[in-house]
Amino acid sequence: MRRRIFVCVSALTLTLISCGGLSLVVAPSPTITPVWTPSSLPLPTAYPTVTPIVFPTYTPTLLPTETAIPTATLAATVSFEPQWVLQGPNQVIVPILLYHHIGFSLKDDTVYYVSPEEFDRQMNLLYQWGYKTIPVELLARAIREGAELPPKPIVLTFDDGSESTYTTALPIMQRYHFTGICYIVSNYVGITNYMDADQIRMLYASGWEIGSHSLSHIDLTARPDRQEKEIIESRRHLESLLGVPVLSFAYPFGAYDESSLGYVHLAGYIAAVGLGNESLQETKNLFYLYRQAVRGTDDLRTFALRLPWREDVYELPAVTIVP
């Protein structure tokens, strides 16, 4: 114990002297110099061979394939379209409706102007009651030789070529998947408030038919000298101008006589339309098919009474929005 204290004090004394803090000098202990004897280095030996450890290969266990859970889907509502059946020849029941302008008259001429709202209600009623529009070409074929028609066929016609046929009637009818036939007065093409050639072509491209309504919309029975030009030349002019087939003719004002009827045959039309209050179309009136004019003063019940297949006209269905 004493020896340890002595060593510590001696060491402390040396330290303090080196720092210059004390004047007391303590004699150092005798230093023993160790004798270093070098040892011989071991001879180099080869590095030991390392044997790699081979770990077992890990093979993952495949889990059984999961069966995909089927995605739940809503079953589409199945709607059955009424089957078209063979009708004709000689007689078929097909109502033909006649319109002029779909819009409003600046002269309060409500007879030839049906408002867009009322026209939409009429088309909606036809749609809800199951009517399907057909072209005059198909109607003529059914009369001549028989053809498949929908259960409730109808023909929608528009006289003169009013611009409202393109701007208003067309988009309304497209919502109900209806098409029509427009009877064009050749000299009216491109004038104010009437369709131009491009609009008529677009109408045709939308599935409509184009027919002739004469060159200048005169009473043919009052001008026998003009019949050939009005009936024959109007077809040639329209086909040349529009580049579309013109297959049927509409008598201006519904007026015709034996001579004008002959020119309709001579011109090569397959049918012609006039006026009437019936829906029965026959071989005997193939060139004067009966059309019922729809007036702007008609309410929906009056319109419904023109249809051969109708439901309760006193409890008419409300307008249903069709996408």
Foldseek 3Di string as FASTA:
>chain_A
DVVVVVVVVLVVQVVCVVVVPDDDDDDDDDDDDDDDDDDDDDDDDDDDDDDDDDDDDDDDDDDPDDDDDDDDDDDDDDDDQAWWDKADAFKDFEAEAEAEAAPQDPVRQQFRYAHLVQLLVQLLLCLVLREAEDELVQVLCCHPPIDTDGPHYYAYEYEAAFPRCQVRVVVSVVLSPHAHEYAHQQCCAPDPRGHHLVSVLVSVVSPYHYAHAFNHLDQCVVCVVCLLCRQQVRQVSSCVSNVDHHAEYEYRQLHDDPSSLVSNVVSHHSAYEGADQGRMDGPVRRNHHHYHYDTNPDHSLNVQVSGPDHDDSVCRDDRDRRD
